[in-house]
Amino acid sequence: MKWAFKEEHSLESRCQESSKIRSKYPDRIPVVVEKAPKSSIQDIDKRKFLVPSDLTVAQFMYIIRKRIQLPPEKAMFLFVNKVLPTTSSTMGAIYEEHKDEDGFLYIAYSGENTFGN
């Protein structure tokens, strides 16, 4: 997946930003969230998040659902490196396993209507 954030910012500036964030907030994870290509789900109003490392993937998914004002009948899926992370995993564990070379964790979201309509 092509990340708009990576295309707009050089590797050097992304590395500087993530290390500055991690030193200032060591218990937080710098996350970039973007819509998966070809997804019909709404766009998100912001793409950079600073989340507590003990937050679960399910809790983070709730935050994203609220940001895009997703109706309850619509499903949403988060992907990290094209894999669905377990909802009970902490963001800290996902970060340690999947963080990018620039120090950010990249998450794509996508959705589908699971109940017909």
PDB file of N, CA and C in Angstrom:
ATOM      1  N   MET A   1       0.844  -1.190   0.000  1.00  0.00           N
ATOM      2  CA  MET A   1       0.000   0.000   0.000  1.00  0.00           C
ATOM      3  C   MET A   1       0.884   1.246   0.000  1.00  0.00           C
ATOM      4  N   LYS A   2       0.483   2.229  -0.795  1.00  0.00           N
ATOM      5  CA  LYS A   2       1.201   3.508  -0.801  1.00  0.00           C
ATOM      6  C   LYS A   2       0.625   4.387   0.296  1.00  0.00           C
ATOM      7  N   TRP A   3       1.481   4.909   1.120  1.00  0.00           N
ATOM      8  CA  TRP A   3       1.060   5.760   2.225  1.00  0.00           C
ATOM      9  C   TRP A   3       1.267   7.217   1.842  1.00  0.00           C
ATOM     10  N   ALA A   4       0.201   8.005   1.853  1.00  0.00           N
ATOM     11  CA  ALA A   4       0.286   9.435   1.532  1.00  0.00           C
ATOM     12  C   ALA A   4       1.252  10.132   2.487  1.00  0.00           C
ATOM     13  N   PHE A   5       1.225   9.737   3.761  1.00  0.00           N
ATOM     14  CA  PHE A   5       2.101  10.343   4.765  1.00  0.00           C
ATOM     15  C   PHE A   5       3.570  10.162   4.386  1.00  0.00           C
ATOM     16  N   LYS A   6       3.920   8.973   3.890  1.00  0.00           N
ATOM     17  CA  LYS A   6       5.305   8.703   3.495  1.00  0.00           C
ATOM     18  C   LYS A   6       5.685   9.505   2.258  1.00  0.00           C
ATOM     19  N   GLU A   7       4.718   9.696   1.357  1.00  0.00           N
ATOM     20  CA  GLU A   7       5.009  10.442   0.131  1.00  0.00           C
ATOM     21  C   GLU A   7       5.152  11.939   0.394  1.00  0.00           C
ATOM     22  N   GLU A   8       4.466  12.435   1.417  1.00  0.00           N
ATOM     23  CA  GLU A   8       4.492  13.867   1.728  1.00  0.00           C
ATOM     24  C   GLU A   8       5.666  14.273   2.612  1.00  0.00           C
ATOM     25  N   HIS A   9       6.252  13.303   3.330  1.00  0.00           N
ATOM     26  CA  HIS A   9       7.338  13.604   4.271  1.00  0.00           C
ATOM     27  C   HIS A   9       8.519  12.678   3.996  1.00  0.00           C
ATOM     28  N   SER A  10       9.717  13.231   4.009  1.00  0.00           N
ATOM     29  CA  SER A  10      10.914  12.417   3.761  1.00  0.00           C
ATOM     30  C   SER A  10      11.147  11.450   4.922  1.00  0.00           C
ATOM     31  N   LEU A  11      11.906  10.402   4.646  1.00  0.00           N
ATOM     32  CA  LEU A  11      12.243   9.423   5.683  1.00  0.00           C
ATOM     33  C   LEU A  11      12.930  10.114   6.851  1.00  0.00           C
ATOM     34  N   GLU A  12      13.841  11.016   6.547  1.00  0.00           N
ATOM     35  CA  GLU A  12      14.575  11.731   7.595  1.00  0.00           C
ATOM     36  C   GLU A  12      13.636  12.524   8.498  1.00  0.00           C
ATOM     37  N   SER A  13      12.693  13.263   7.910  1.00  0.00           N
ATOM     38  CA  SER A  13      11.781  14.071   8.741  1.00  0.00           C
ATOM     39  C   SER A  13      10.832  13.189   9.546  1.00  0.00           C
ATOM     40  N   ARG A  14      10.422  12.049   8.972  1.00  0.00           N
ATOM     41  CA  ARG A  14       9.557  11.120   9.712  1.00  0.00           C
ATOM     42  C   ARG A  14      10.318  10.506  10.881  1.00  0.00           C
ATOM     43  N   CYS A  15      11.575  10.136  10.664  1.00  0.00           N
ATOM     44  CA  CYS A  15      12.407   9.568  11.738  1.00  0.00           C
ATOM     45  C   CYS A  15      12.608  10.579  12.865  1.00  0.00           C
ATOM     46  N   GLN A  16      12.896  11.824  12.498  1.00  0.00           N
ATOM     47  CA  GLN A  16      13.082  12.876  13.509  1.00  0.00           C
ATOM     48  C   GLN A  16      11.805  13.078  14.319  1.00  0.00           C
ATOM     49  N   GLU A  17      10.671  13.132  13.622  1.00  0.00           N
ATOM     50  CA  GLU A  17       9.399  13.357  14.314  1.00  0.00           C
ATOM     51  C   GLU A  17       9.069  12.214  15.266  1.00  0.00           C
ATOM     52  N   SER A  18       9.224  10.968  14.804  1.00  0.00           N
ATOM     53  CA  SER A  18       8.882   9.837  15.666  1.00  0.00           C
ATOM     54  C   SER A  18       9.816   9.736  16.868  1.00  0.00           C
ATOM     55  N   SER A  19      11.106  10.011  16.683  1.00  0.00           N
ATOM     56  CA  SER A  19      12.014   9.913  17.832  1.00  0.00           C
ATOM     57  C   SER A  19      11.766  11.045  18.822  1.00  0.00           C
ATOM     58  N   LYS A  20      11.394  12.216  18.326  1.00  0.00           N
ATOM     59  CA  LYS A  20      11.040  13.330  19.214  1.00  0.00           C
ATOM     60  C   LYS A  20       9.792  12.969  20.036  1.00  0.00           C
ATOM     61  N   ILE A  21       8.809  12.386  19.371  1.00  0.00           N
ATOM     62  CA  ILE A  21       7.569  11.974  20.043  1.00  0.00           C
ATOM     63  C   ILE A  21       7.865  10.901  21.092  1.00  0.00           C
ATOM     64  N   ARG A  22       8.652   9.876  20.702  1.00  0.00           N
ATOM     65  CA  ARG A  22       8.943   8.763  21.614  1.00  0.00           C
ATOM     66  C   ARG A  22       9.755   9.210  22.827  1.00  0.00           C
ATOM     67  N   SER A  23      10.648  10.208  22.658  1.00  0.00           N
ATOM     68  CA  SER A  23      11.422  10.665  23.816  1.00  0.00           C
ATOM     69  C   SER A  23      10.573  11.549  24.726  1.00  0.00           C
ATOM     70  N   LYS A  24       9.661  12.309  24.144  1.00  0.00           N
ATOM     71  CA  LYS A  24       8.797  13.178  24.946  1.00  0.00           C
ATOM     72  C   LYS A  24       7.672  12.383  25.616  1.00  0.00           C
ATOM     73  N   TYR A  25       7.152  11.370  24.910  1.00  0.00           N
ATOM     74  CA  TYR A  25       6.050  10.542  25.424  1.00  0.00           C
ATOM     75  C   TYR A  25       6.434   9.061  25.298  1.00  0.00           C
ATOM     76  N   PRO A  26       7.306   8.552  26.177  1.00  0.00           N
ATOM     77  CA  PRO A  26       7.797   7.171  26.029  1.00  0.00           C
ATOM     78  C   PRO A  26       6.719   6.094  26.166  1.00  0.00           C
ATOM     79  N   ASP A  27       5.594   6.413  26.805  1.00  0.00           N
ATOM     80  CA  ASP A  27       4.529   5.424  26.983  1.00  0.00           C
ATOM     81  C   ASP A  27       3.471   5.505  25.880  1.00  0.00           C
ATOM     82  N   ARG A  28       3.760   6.275  24.834  1.00  0.00           N
ATOM     83  CA  ARG A  28       2.795   6.448  23.743  1.00  0.00           C
ATOM     84  C   ARG A  28       3.371   5.937  22.422  1.00  0.00           C
ATOM     85  N   ILE A  29       2.473   5.558  21.535  1.00  0.00           N
ATOM     86  CA  ILE A  29       2.847   5.007  20.238  1.00  0.00           C
ATOM     87  C   ILE A  29       2.442   5.985  19.133  1.00  0.00           C
ATOM     88  N   PRO A  30       3.385   6.385  18.259  1.00  0.00           N
ATOM     89  CA  PRO A  30       3.009   7.236  17.122  1.00  0.00           C
ATOM     90  C   PRO A  30       2.420   6.372  15.996  1.00  0.00           C
ATOM     91  N   VAL A  31       1.162   6.646  15.649  1.00  0.00           N
ATOM     92  CA  VAL A  31       0.441   5.831  14.672  1.00  0.00           C
ATOM     93  C   VAL A  31      -0.039   6.702  13.515  1.00  0.00           C
ATOM     94  N   VAL A  32       0.106   6.189  12.301  1.00  0.00           N
ATOM     95  CA  VAL A  32      -0.444   6.846  11.112  1.00  0.00           C
ATOM     96  C   VAL A  32      -1.564   5.952  10.598  1.00  0.00           C
ATOM     97  N   VAL A  33      -2.760   6.532  10.447  1.00  0.00           N
ATOM     98  CA  VAL A  33      -3.933   5.789   9.996  1.00  0.00           C
ATOM     99  C   VAL A  33      -4.399   6.361   8.663  1.00  0.00           C
ATOM    100  N   GLU A  34      -4.530   5.496   7.675  1.00  0.00           N
ATOM    101  CA  GLU A  34      -5.030   5.921   6.368  1.00  0.00           C
ATOM    102  C   GLU A  34      -6.015   4.888   5.841  1.00  0.00           C
ATOM    103  N   LYS A  35      -6.927   5.359   4.994  1.00  0.00           N
ATOM    104  CA  LYS A  35      -7.926   4.476   4.398  1.00  0.00           C
ATOM    105  C   LYS A  35      -7.263   3.573   3.365  1.00  0.00           C
ATOM    106  N   ALA A  36      -7.659   2.306   3.375  1.00  0.00           N
ATOM    107  CA  ALA A  36      -7.131   1.355   2.395  1.00  0.00           C
ATOM    108  C   ALA A  36      -7.608   1.745   0.997  1.00  0.00           C
ATOM    109  N   PRO A  37      -6.787   1.501  -0.009  1.00  0.00           N
ATOM    110  CA  PRO A  37      -7.212   1.839  -1.370  1.00  0.00           C
ATOM    111  C   PRO A  37      -8.464   1.047  -1.758  1.00  0.00           C
ATOM    112  N   LYS A  38      -9.310   1.649  -2.534  1.00  0.00           N
ATOM    113  CA  LYS A  38     -10.551   1.040  -3.046  1.00  0.00           C
ATOM    114  C   LYS A  38     -11.590   0.788  -1.963  1.00  0.00           C
ATOM    115  N   SER A  39     -11.383   1.278  -0.766  1.00  0.00           N
ATOM    116  CA  SER A  39     -12.378   1.116   0.293  1.00  0.00           C
ATOM    117  C   SER A  39     -13.441   2.194   0.135  1.00  0.00           C
ATOM    118  N   SER A  40     -14.700   1.804   0.330  1.00  0.00           N
ATOM    119  CA  SER A  40     -15.804   2.761   0.169  1.00  0.00           C
ATOM    120  C   SER A  40     -16.158   3.460   1.486  1.00  0.00           C
ATOM    121  N   ILE A  41     -15.429   3.149   2.519  1.00  0.00           N
ATOM    122  CA  ILE A  41     -15.673   3.738   3.842  1.00  0.00           C
ATOM    123  C   ILE A  41     -15.273   5.223   3.828  1.00  0.00           C
ATOM    124  N   GLN A  42     -15.788   5.991   4.787  1.00  0.00           N
ATOM    125  CA  GLN A  42     -15.495   7.430   4.843  1.00  0.00           C
ATOM    126  C   GLN A  42     -14.011   7.698   5.099  1.00  0.00           C
ATOM    127  N   ASP A  43     -13.581   8.896   4.678  1.00  0.00           N
ATOM    128  CA  ASP A  43     -12.221   9.345   4.978  1.00  0.00           C
ATOM    129  C   ASP A  43     -12.141   9.799   6.429  1.00  0.00           C
ATOM    130  N   ILE A  44     -10.971   9.705   6.998  1.00  0.00           N
ATOM    131  CA  ILE A  44     -10.768  10.129   8.385  1.00  0.00           C
ATOM    132  C   ILE A  44     -10.288  11.581   8.396  1.00  0.00           C
ATOM    133  N   ASP A  45     -10.654  12.317   9.441  1.00  0.00           N
ATOM    134  CA  ASP A  45     -10.333  13.748   9.493  1.00  0.00           C
ATOM    135  C   ASP A  45      -8.904  14.033   9.941  1.00  0.00           C
ATOM    136  N   LYS A  46      -8.249  13.068  10.558  1.00  0.00           N
ATOM    137  CA  LYS A  46      -6.829  13.226  10.900  1.00  0.00           C
ATOM    138  C   LYS A  46      -6.173  11.869  10.771  1.00  0.00           C
ATOM    139  N   ARG A  47      -4.893  11.862  10.500  1.00  0.00           N
ATOM    140  CA  ARG A  47      -4.266  10.567  10.281  1.00  0.00           C
ATOM    141  C   ARG A  47      -3.158  10.224  11.258  1.00  0.00           C
ATOM    142  N   LYS A  48      -2.694  11.190  12.045  1.00  0.00           N
ATOM    143  CA  LYS A  48      -1.655  10.892  13.038  1.00  0.00           C
ATOM    144  C   LYS A  48      -2.288  10.822  14.427  1.00  0.00           C
ATOM    145  N   PHE A  49      -1.963   9.759  15.127  1.00  0.00           N
ATOM    146  CA  PHE A  49      -2.481   9.555  16.476  1.00  0.00           C
ATOM    147  C   PHE A  49      -1.316   9.228  17.402  1.00  0.00           C
ATOM    148  N   LEU A  50      -1.470   9.613  18.656  1.00  0.00           N
ATOM    149  CA  LEU A  50      -0.507   9.280  19.694  1.00  0.00           C
ATOM    150  C   LEU A  50      -1.287   8.492  20.735  1.00  0.00           C
ATOM    151  N   VAL A  51      -1.116   7.184  20.747  1.00  0.00           N
ATOM    152  CA  VAL A  51      -1.961   6.333  21.585  1.00  0.00           C
ATOM    153  C   VAL A  51      -1.161   5.683  22.710  1.00  0.00           C
ATOM    154  N   PRO A  52      -1.810   5.466  23.862  1.00  0.00           N
ATOM    155  CA  PRO A  52      -1.133   4.769  24.966  1.00  0.00           C
ATOM    156  C   PRO A  52      -0.739   3.355  24.531  1.00  0.00           C
ATOM    157  N   SER A  53       0.427   2.903  24.947  1.00  0.00           N
ATOM    158  CA  SER A  53       0.897   1.584  24.515  1.00  0.00           C
ATOM    159  C   SER A  53       0.048   0.447  25.085  1.00  0.00           C
ATOM    160  N   ASP A  54      -0.685   0.700  26.185  1.00  0.00           N
ATOM    161  CA  ASP A  54      -1.524  -0.355  26.755  1.00  0.00           C
ATOM    162  C   ASP A  54      -2.948  -0.359  26.194  1.00  0.00           C
ATOM    163  N   LEU A  55      -3.243   0.523  25.249  1.00  0.00           N
ATOM    164  CA  LEU A  55      -4.554   0.542  24.595  1.00  0.00           C
ATOM    165  C   LEU A  55      -4.671  -0.707  23.724  1.00  0.00           C
ATOM    166  N   THR A  56      -5.836  -1.359  23.733  1.00  0.00           N
ATOM    167  CA  THR A  56      -6.000  -2.542  22.880  1.00  0.00           C
ATOM    168  C   THR A  56      -6.384  -2.115  21.468  1.00  0.00           C
ATOM    169  N   VAL A  57      -6.204  -3.032  20.538  1.00  0.00           N
ATOM    170  CA  VAL A  57      -6.588  -2.773  19.148  1.00  0.00           C
ATOM    171  C   VAL A  57      -8.089  -2.490  19.080  1.00  0.00           C
ATOM    172  N   ALA A  58      -8.896  -3.216  19.866  1.00  0.00           N
ATOM    173  CA  ALA A  58     -10.348  -2.996  19.881  1.00  0.00           C
ATOM    174  C   ALA A  58     -10.680  -1.574  20.337  1.00  0.00           C
ATOM    175  N   GLN A  59      -9.992  -1.086  21.361  1.00  0.00           N
ATOM    176  CA  GLN A  59     -10.227   0.282  21.834  1.00  0.00           C
ATOM    177  C   GLN A  59      -9.809   1.306  20.785  1.00  0.00           C
ATOM    178  N   PHE A  60      -8.705   1.040  20.098  1.00  0.00           N
ATOM    179  CA  PHE A  60      -8.250   1.951  19.044  1.00  0.00           C
ATOM    180  C   PHE A  60      -9.243   1.950  17.880  1.00  0.00           C
ATOM    181  N   MET A  61      -9.778   0.775  17.571  1.00  0.00           N
ATOM    182  CA  MET A  61     -10.772   0.668  16.505  1.00  0.00           C
ATOM    183  C   MET A  61     -12.006   1.512  16.844  1.00  0.00           C
ATOM    184  N   TYR A  62     -12.397   1.511  18.107  1.00  0.00           N
ATOM    185  CA  TYR A  62     -13.532   2.326  18.560  1.00  0.00           C
ATOM    186  C   TYR A  62     -13.245   3.812  18.314  1.00  0.00           C
ATOM    187  N   ILE A  63     -12.028   4.247  18.608  1.00  0.00           N
ATOM    188  CA  ILE A  63     -11.634   5.647  18.390  1.00  0.00           C
ATOM    189  C   ILE A  63     -11.739   5.996  16.905  1.00  0.00           C
ATOM    190  N   ILE A  64     -11.258   5.112  16.048  1.00  0.00           N
ATOM    191  CA  ILE A  64     -11.304   5.353  14.598  1.00  0.00           C
ATOM    192  C   ILE A  64     -12.751   5.392  14.118  1.00  0.00           C
ATOM    193  N   ARG A  65     -13.576   4.459  14.601  1.00  0.00           N
ATOM    194  CA  ARG A  65     -15.003   4.448  14.214  1.00  0.00           C
ATOM    195  C   ARG A  65     -15.661   5.777  14.554  1.00  0.00           C
ATOM    196  N   LYS A  66     -15.357   6.314  15.738  1.00  0.00           N
ATOM    197  CA  LYS A  66     -15.926   7.605  16.160  1.00  0.00           C
ATOM    198  C   LYS A  66     -15.434   8.734  15.255  1.00  0.00           C
ATOM    199  N   ARG A  67     -14.154   8.728  14.892  1.00  0.00           N
ATOM    200  CA  ARG A  67     -13.578   9.796  14.061  1.00  0.00           C
ATOM    201  C   ARG A  67     -14.209   9.835  12.678  1.00  0.00           C
ATOM    202  N   ILE A  68     -14.531   8.666  12.125  1.00  0.00           N
ATOM    203  CA  ILE A  68     -15.131   8.657  10.789  1.00  0.00           C
ATOM    204  C   ILE A  68     -16.653   8.563  10.847  1.00  0.00           C
ATOM    205  N   GLN A  69     -17.202   8.591  12.057  1.00  0.00           N
ATOM    206  CA  GLN A  69     -18.651   8.541  12.274  1.00  0.00           C
ATOM    207  C   GLN A  69     -19.284   7.377  11.511  1.00  0.00           C
ATOM    208  N   LEU A  70     -18.750   6.205  11.755  1.00  0.00           N
ATOM    209  CA  LEU A  70     -19.213   5.001  11.079  1.00  0.00           C
ATOM    210  C   LEU A  70     -20.473   4.466  11.748  1.00  0.00           C
ATOM    211  N   PRO A  71     -21.548   4.260  10.978  1.00  0.00           N
ATOM    212  CA  PRO A  71     -22.780   3.729  11.572  1.00  0.00           C
ATOM    213  C   PRO A  71     -22.559   2.317  12.128  1.00  0.00           C
ATOM    214  N   PRO A  72     -23.328   1.950  13.157  1.00  0.00           N
ATOM    215  CA  PRO A  72     -23.126   0.648  13.814  1.00  0.00           C
ATOM    216  C   PRO A  72     -23.296  -0.554  12.880  1.00  0.00           C
ATOM    217  N   GLU A  73     -24.113  -0.414  11.826  1.00  0.00           N
ATOM    218  CA  GLU A  73     -24.334  -1.566  10.940  1.00  0.00           C
ATOM    219  C   GLU A  73     -23.184  -1.796   9.957  1.00  0.00           C
ATOM    220  N   LYS A  74     -22.227  -0.903   9.943  1.00  0.00           N
ATOM    221  CA  LYS A  74     -21.063  -1.055   9.058  1.00  0.00           C
ATOM    222  C   LYS A  74     -19.900  -1.661   9.831  1.00  0.00           C
ATOM    223  N   ALA A  75     -19.252  -2.607   9.204  1.00  0.00           N
ATOM    224  CA  ALA A  75     -18.066  -3.218   9.816  1.00  0.00           C
ATOM    225  C   ALA A  75     -16.832  -2.423   9.420  1.00  0.00           C
ATOM    226  N   MET A  76     -15.824  -2.500  10.258  1.00  0.00           N
ATOM    227  CA  MET A  76     -14.564  -1.852   9.936  1.00  0.00           C
ATOM    228  C   MET A  76     -13.429  -2.808  10.300  1.00  0.00           C
ATOM    229  N   PHE A  77     -12.418  -2.819   9.466  1.00  0.00           N
ATOM    230  CA  PHE A  77     -11.272  -3.687   9.687  1.00  0.00           C
ATOM    231  C   PHE A  77     -10.005  -2.857   9.687  1.00  0.00           C
ATOM    232  N   LEU A  78      -9.101  -3.166  10.599  1.00  0.00           N
ATOM    233  CA  LEU A  78      -7.795  -2.512  10.640  1.00  0.00           C
ATOM    234  C   LEU A  78      -6.753  -3.507  10.136  1.00  0.00           C
ATOM    235  N   PHE A  79      -5.816  -3.007   9.345  1.00  0.00           N
ATOM    236  CA  PHE A  79      -4.753  -3.849   8.816  1.00  0.00           C
ATOM    237  C   PHE A  79      -3.398  -3.252   9.160  1.00  0.00           C
ATOM    238  N   VAL A  80      -2.510  -4.096   9.652  1.00  0.00           N
ATOM    239  CA  VAL A  80      -1.129  -3.701   9.911  1.00  0.00           C
ATOM    240  C   VAL A  80      -0.269  -4.617   9.047  1.00  0.00           C
ATOM    241  N   ASN A  81       0.454  -4.042   8.095  1.00  0.00           N
ATOM    242  CA  ASN A  81       1.227  -4.850   7.132  1.00  0.00           C
ATOM    243  C   ASN A  81       0.354  -5.911   6.458  1.00  0.00           C
ATOM    244  N   LYS A  82      -0.837  -5.512   6.038  1.00  0.00           N
ATOM    245  CA  LYS A  82      -1.803  -6.372   5.331  1.00  0.00           C
ATOM    246  C   LYS A  82      -2.323  -7.533   6.176  1.00  0.00           C
ATOM    247  N   VAL A  83      -2.187  -7.440   7.489  1.00  0.00           N
ATOM    248  CA  VAL A  83      -2.652  -8.483   8.403  1.00  0.00           C
ATOM    249  C   VAL A  83      -3.646  -7.869   9.379  1.00  0.00           C
ATOM    250  N   LEU A  84      -4.692  -8.639   9.721  1.00  0.00           N
ATOM    251  CA  LEU A  84      -5.645  -8.193  10.739  1.00  0.00           C
ATOM    252  C   LEU A  84      -5.045  -8.461  12.114  1.00  0.00           C
ATOM    253  N   PRO A  85      -4.764  -7.427  12.908  1.00  0.00           N
ATOM    254  CA  PRO A  85      -4.229  -7.687  14.254  1.00  0.00           C
ATOM    255  C   PRO A  85      -5.334  -8.201  15.180  1.00  0.00           C
ATOM    256  N   THR A  86      -4.968  -8.993  16.155  1.00  0.00           N
ATOM    257  CA  THR A  86      -5.946  -9.476  17.131  1.00  0.00           C
ATOM    258  C   THR A  86      -6.462  -8.303  17.941  1.00  0.00           C
ATOM    259  N   THR A  87      -7.774  -8.239  18.139  1.00  0.00           N
ATOM    260  CA  THR A  87      -8.359  -7.081  18.821  1.00  0.00           C
ATOM    261  C   THR A  87      -7.948  -6.996  20.286  1.00  0.00           C
ATOM    262  N   SER A  88      -7.515  -8.117  20.865  1.00  0.00           N
ATOM    263  CA  SER A  88      -7.100  -8.091  22.271  1.00  0.00           C
ATOM    264  C   SER A  88      -5.635  -7.675  22.442  1.00  0.00           C
ATOM    265  N   SER A  89      -4.892  -7.598  21.344  1.00  0.00           N
ATOM    266  CA  SER A  89      -3.483  -7.179  21.424  1.00  0.00           C
ATOM    267  C   SER A  89      -3.378  -5.722  21.833  1.00  0.00           C
ATOM    268  N   THR A  90      -2.299  -5.384  22.524  1.00  0.00           N
ATOM    269  CA  THR A  90      -2.086  -3.972  22.869  1.00  0.00           C
ATOM    270  C   THR A  90      -1.401  -3.281  21.697  1.00  0.00           C
ATOM    271  N   MET A  91      -1.604  -1.987  21.613  1.00  0.00           N
ATOM    272  CA  MET A  91      -0.967  -1.205  20.556  1.00  0.00           C
ATOM    273  C   MET A  91       0.557  -1.258  20.715  1.00  0.00           C
ATOM    274  N   GLY A  92       1.031  -1.354  21.965  1.00  0.00           N
ATOM    275  CA  GLY A  92       2.465  -1.463  22.219  1.00  0.00           C
ATOM    276  C   GLY A  92       3.053  -2.730  21.611  1.00  0.00           C
ATOM    277  N   ALA A  93       2.340  -3.855  21.764  1.00  0.00           N
ATOM    278  CA  ALA A  93       2.807  -5.128  21.203  1.00  0.00           C
ATOM    279  C   ALA A  93       2.793  -5.080  19.678  1.00  0.00           C
ATOM    280  N   ILE A  94       1.743  -4.510  19.109  1.00  0.00           N
ATOM    281  CA  ILE A  94       1.642  -4.375  17.647  1.00  0.00           C
ATOM    282  C   ILE A  94       2.767  -3.474  17.139  1.00  0.00           C
ATOM    283  N   TYR A  95       3.030  -2.398  17.877  1.00  0.00           N
ATOM    284  CA  TYR A  95       4.091  -1.460  17.495  1.00  0.00           C
ATOM    285  C   TYR A  95       5.446  -2.160  17.467  1.00  0.00           C
ATOM    286  N   GLU A  96       5.758  -2.907  18.514  1.00  0.00           N
ATOM    287  CA  GLU A  96       7.057  -3.584  18.586  1.00  0.00           C
ATOM    288  C   GLU A  96       7.229  -4.584  17.449  1.00  0.00           C
ATOM    289  N   GLU A  97       6.132  -5.215  17.057  1.00  0.00           N
ATOM    290  CA  GLU A  97       6.198  -6.234  16.013  1.00  0.00           C
ATOM    291  C   GLU A  97       6.189  -5.640  14.599  1.00  0.00           C
ATOM    292  N   HIS A  98       5.493  -4.516  14.405  1.00  0.00           N
ATOM    293  CA  HIS A  98       5.249  -4.016  13.047  1.00  0.00           C
ATOM    294  C   HIS A  98       5.688  -2.584  12.776  1.00  0.00           C
ATOM    295  N   LYS A  99       6.403  -1.943  13.690  1.00  0.00           N
ATOM    296  CA  LYS A  99       6.761  -0.537  13.444  1.00  0.00           C
ATOM    297  C   LYS A  99       7.617  -0.406  12.187  1.00  0.00           C
ATOM    298  N   ASP A 100       7.444   0.716  11.514  1.00  0.00           N
ATOM    299  CA  ASP A 100       8.176   0.986  10.281  1.00  0.00           C
ATOM    300  C   ASP A 100       9.588   1.456  10.623  1.00  0.00           C
ATOM    301  N   GLU A 101      10.462   1.482   9.627  1.00  0.00           N
ATOM    302  CA  GLU A 101      11.835   1.959   9.843  1.00  0.00           C
ATOM    303  C   GLU A 101      11.868   3.408  10.298  1.00  0.00           C
ATOM    304  N   ASP A 102      10.799   4.170  10.013  1.00  0.00           N
ATOM    305  CA  ASP A 102      10.761   5.581  10.421  1.00  0.00           C
ATOM    306  C   ASP A 102      10.264   5.775  11.852  1.00  0.00           C
ATOM    307  N   GLY A 103       9.870   4.678  12.530  1.00  0.00           N
ATOM    308  CA  GLY A 103       9.431   4.778  13.916  1.00  0.00           C
ATOM    309  C   GLY A 103       7.932   4.926  14.101  1.00  0.00           C
ATOM    310  N   PHE A 104       7.181   5.014  13.001  1.00  0.00           N
ATOM    311  CA  PHE A 104       5.724   5.094  13.092  1.00  0.00           C
ATOM    312  C   PHE A 104       5.122   3.712  12.879  1.00  0.00           C
ATOM    313  N   LEU A 105       3.921   3.505  13.422  1.00  0.00           N
ATOM    314  CA  LEU A 105       3.141   2.305  13.142  1.00  0.00           C
ATOM    315  C   LEU A 105       2.100   2.718  12.113  1.00  0.00           C
ATOM    316  N   TYR A 106       2.047   2.015  10.987  1.00  0.00           N
ATOM    317  CA  TYR A 106       1.099   2.350   9.921  1.00  0.00           C
ATOM    318  C   TYR A 106      -0.069   1.376   9.952  1.00  0.00           C
ATOM    319  N   ILE A 107      -1.281   1.938  10.025  1.00  0.00           N
ATOM    320  CA  ILE A 107      -2.494   1.129  10.067  1.00  0.00           C
ATOM    321  C   ILE A 107      -3.432   1.591   8.960  1.00  0.00           C
ATOM    322  N   ALA A 108      -3.910   0.629   8.176  1.00  0.00           N
ATOM    323  CA  ALA A 108      -4.900   0.929   7.136  1.00  0.00           C
ATOM    324  C   ALA A 108      -6.260   0.469   7.651  1.00  0.00           C
ATOM    325  N   TYR A 109      -7.302   1.223   7.318  1.00  0.00           N
ATOM    326  CA  TYR A 109      -8.641   0.792   7.694  1.00  0.00           C
ATOM    327  C   TYR A 109      -9.495   0.616   6.446  1.00  0.00           C
ATOM    328  N   SER A 110     -10.425  -0.310   6.540  1.00  0.00           N
ATOM    329  CA  SER A 110     -11.314  -0.607   5.429  1.00  0.00           C
ATOM    330  C   SER A 110     -12.640  -1.070   6.016  1.00  0.00           C
ATOM    331  N   GLY A 111     -13.669  -1.059   5.212  1.00  0.00           N
ATOM    332  CA  GLY A 111     -14.965  -1.473   5.734  1.00  0.00           C
ATOM    333  C   GLY A 111     -15.816  -2.154   4.697  1.00  0.00           C
ATOM    334  N   GLU A 112     -16.875  -2.767   5.192  1.00  0.00           N
ATOM    335  CA  GLU A 112     -17.885  -3.343   4.314  1.00  0.00           C
ATOM    336  C   GLU A 112     -19.178  -3.387   5.089  1.00  0.00           C
ATOM    337  N   ASN A 113     -20.269  -3.386   4.374  1.00  0.00           N
ATOM    338  CA  ASN A 113     -21.570  -3.461   5.025  1.00  0.00           C
ATOM    339  C   ASN A 113     -21.877  -4.931   5.275  1.00  0.00           C
ATOM    340  N   THR A 114     -21.912  -5.337   6.529  1.00  0.00           N
ATOM    341  CA  THR A 114     -22.076  -6.760   6.836  1.00  0.00           C
ATOM    342  C   THR A 114     -23.530  -7.200   6.939  1.00  0.00           C
ATOM    343  N   PHE A 115     -24.457  -6.252   6.953  1.00  0.00           N
ATOM    344  CA  PHE A 115     -25.856  -6.617   7.156  1.00  0.00           C
ATOM    345  C   PHE A 115     -26.751  -6.327   5.956  1.00  0.00           C
ATOM    346  N   GLY A 116     -26.210  -6.446   4.736  1.00  0.00           N
ATOM    347  CA  GLY A 116     -27.042  -6.228   3.552  1.00  0.00           C
ATOM    348  C   GLY A 116     -27.143  -4.774   3.174  1.00  0.00           C
ATOM    349  N   ASN A 117     -28.384  -4.256   3.180  1.00  0.00           N
ATOM    350  CA  ASN A 117     -28.680  -2.871   2.748  1.00  0.00           C
ATOM    351  C   ASN A 117     -28.125  -2.603   1.374  1.00  0.00           C
TER     352      ASN A 117
END
